[in-house]
Amino acid sequence: MRYIAAYLLLQIGGNSSPSAADIKKVLSAVGIEAEQERLDKLLSELSDKDINQLIAEGSSKLSSVPSGGGAVAASGAAPAAGGAAPAAEKEEEKEEEKEESDDDMGFGLFD
C-alpha cells in the first residue's frame, strides 16, 4: 500500500509517470526504505495504464462487496408482537444515551 500511496501522491502532484527513484524519494521522506523488487513490480503493473481508469474499475468492484449490517437488520426486523413496545422503548433510551455521549466525545471546547 505504501508504494501505491506514494505513486498516487506523485500523480496528484503532477508527475504523470513516476519513476522508481521518485517513489523512493517520497518513501524515504517519511522514513520508509523501499524494496526495489516491489517497486519494479508496481511500475510494471501500472505501465501504460491510466490511474483514473484503474481507480474507477476498482470502485465498481468494491460496490459489489457486501459491507455488513444486512444480517443484523434482517434478524432484528421481525420481533414478536408482544415484545415490540418495550423493545422500542429500550432502543430509544439507548439511542438517547449514545447521542449524549457522542456530543462531546470526552473533549470540551475550552479544555
Protein backbone atom coordinates (compact mmCIF):
# COMPACT_ATOMS: atom_id res chain seq x y z
CA MET A 1 0.00 0.00 0.00
CA ARG A 2 2.77 2.44 0.75
CA TYR A 3 4.17 2.08 -2.75
CA ILE A 4 0.78 2.69 -4.32
CA ALA A 5 0.17 5.64 -1.99
CA ALA A 6 3.50 7.20 -2.97
CA TYR A 7 2.71 6.60 -6.64
CA LEU A 8 -0.69 8.27 -6.27
CA LEU A 9 0.81 11.22 -4.37
CA LEU A 10 3.24 11.77 -7.20
CA GLN A 11 0.40 11.52 -9.73
CA ILE A 12 -1.65 14.09 -7.83
CA GLY A 13 1.41 16.31 -7.61
CA GLY A 14 1.66 16.45 -11.39
CA ASN A 15 4.13 13.67 -12.17
CA SER A 16 2.21 11.69 -14.80
CA SER A 17 4.65 8.76 -14.84
CA PRO A 18 6.60 8.46 -11.58
CA SER A 19 9.84 6.50 -11.69
CA ALA A 20 11.24 4.15 -9.08
CA ALA A 21 13.59 6.91 -7.94
CA ASP A 22 10.67 9.30 -7.48
CA ILE A 23 8.79 6.77 -5.36
CA LYS A 24 11.91 6.01 -3.31
CA LYS A 25 12.35 9.72 -2.64
CA VAL A 26 8.77 10.06 -1.35
CA LEU A 27 9.07 6.98 0.84
CA SER A 28 12.45 7.97 2.24
CA ALA A 29 10.99 11.36 3.21
CA VAL A 30 8.79 9.57 5.74
CA GLY A 31 11.45 7.10 6.86
CA ILE A 32 10.46 4.07 4.77
CA GLU A 33 13.10 2.08 2.95
CA ALA A 34 11.79 0.99 -0.44
CA GLU A 35 12.35 -2.51 -1.83
CA GLN A 36 13.44 -2.39 -5.46
CA GLU A 37 11.65 -5.65 -6.32
CA ARG A 38 8.28 -4.32 -5.16
CA LEU A 39 8.83 -1.03 -6.94
CA ASP A 40 9.65 -2.81 -10.18
CA LYS A 41 6.53 -4.96 -9.88
CA LEU A 42 4.30 -1.95 -9.19
CA LEU A 43 5.71 0.03 -12.08
CA SER A 44 5.40 -2.92 -14.47
CA GLU A 45 1.77 -3.42 -13.44
CA LEU A 46 0.92 0.26 -13.86
CA SER A 47 2.88 0.94 -17.03
CA ASP A 48 0.76 2.23 -19.93
CA LYS A 49 -2.38 2.36 -17.75
CA ASP A 50 -4.44 5.38 -16.76
CA ILE A 51 -4.59 5.59 -12.97
CA ASN A 52 -8.01 7.27 -13.02
CA GLN A 53 -9.43 4.39 -15.05
CA LEU A 54 -7.92 1.85 -12.65
CA ILE A 55 -9.47 3.66 -9.68
CA ALA A 56 -12.87 3.71 -11.41
CA GLU A 57 -12.65 -0.02 -12.16
CA GLY A 58 -11.67 -0.76 -8.55
CA SER A 59 -14.53 1.35 -7.21
CA SER A 60 -17.04 -0.54 -9.33
CA LYS A 61 -15.68 -3.83 -8.00
CA LEU A 62 -15.90 -2.59 -4.40
CA SER A 63 -19.53 -1.60 -4.85
CA SER A 64 -20.46 -5.27 -5.21
CA VAL A 65 -18.72 -6.26 -1.96
CA PRO A 66 -21.16 -6.62 0.96
CA SER A 67 -20.40 -4.13 3.69
CA GLY A 68 -22.13 -5.99 6.50
CA GLY A 69 -25.04 -4.95 8.62
CA GLY A 70 -27.59 -6.75 6.47
CA ALA A 71 -27.68 -9.83 8.70
CA VAL A 72 -28.24 -7.73 11.82
CA ALA A 73 -31.08 -5.80 10.24
CA ALA A 74 -32.72 -8.96 8.93
CA SER A 75 -32.51 -10.77 12.26
CA GLY A 76 -33.95 -7.85 14.21
CA ALA A 77 -36.59 -6.89 11.65
CA ALA A 78 -39.37 -9.17 12.87
CA PRO A 79 -39.69 -9.02 16.68
CA ALA A 80 -42.57 -10.74 18.44
CA ALA A 81 -45.75 -8.65 18.60
CA GLY A 82 -45.98 -8.83 22.39
CA GLY A 83 -42.44 -7.58 23.00
CA ALA A 84 -42.30 -4.88 20.36
CA ALA A 85 -43.28 -1.91 22.53
CA PRO A 86 -40.84 -2.50 25.42
CA ALA A 87 -38.05 -3.22 22.95
CA ALA A 88 -38.73 0.04 21.14
CA GLU A 89 -38.55 1.98 24.42
CA LYS A 90 -35.24 0.36 25.31
CA GLU A 91 -33.81 1.17 21.89
CA GLU A 92 -34.96 4.78 22.25
CA GLU A 93 -33.24 5.06 25.63
CA LYS A 94 -30.03 3.58 24.22
CA GLU A 95 -30.08 6.00 21.29
CA GLU A 96 -30.54 8.96 23.63
CA GLU A 97 -27.66 7.81 25.82
CA LYS A 98 -25.48 7.31 22.77
CA GLU A 99 -26.31 10.74 21.40
CA GLU A 100 -25.43 12.37 24.71
CA SER A 101 -22.11 10.59 24.95
CA ASP A 102 -21.21 11.32 21.31
CA ASP A 103 -21.84 15.06 21.65
CA ASP A 104 -18.60 15.95 23.38
CA MET A 105 -16.67 12.71 22.84
CA GLY A 106 -14.72 13.43 26.01
CA PHE A 107 -13.37 16.75 24.77
CA GLY A 108 -14.56 20.16 25.82
CA LEU A 109 -14.31 23.18 23.60
CA PHE A 110 -12.24 25.13 26.11
CA ASP A 111 -10.33 22.31 27.86
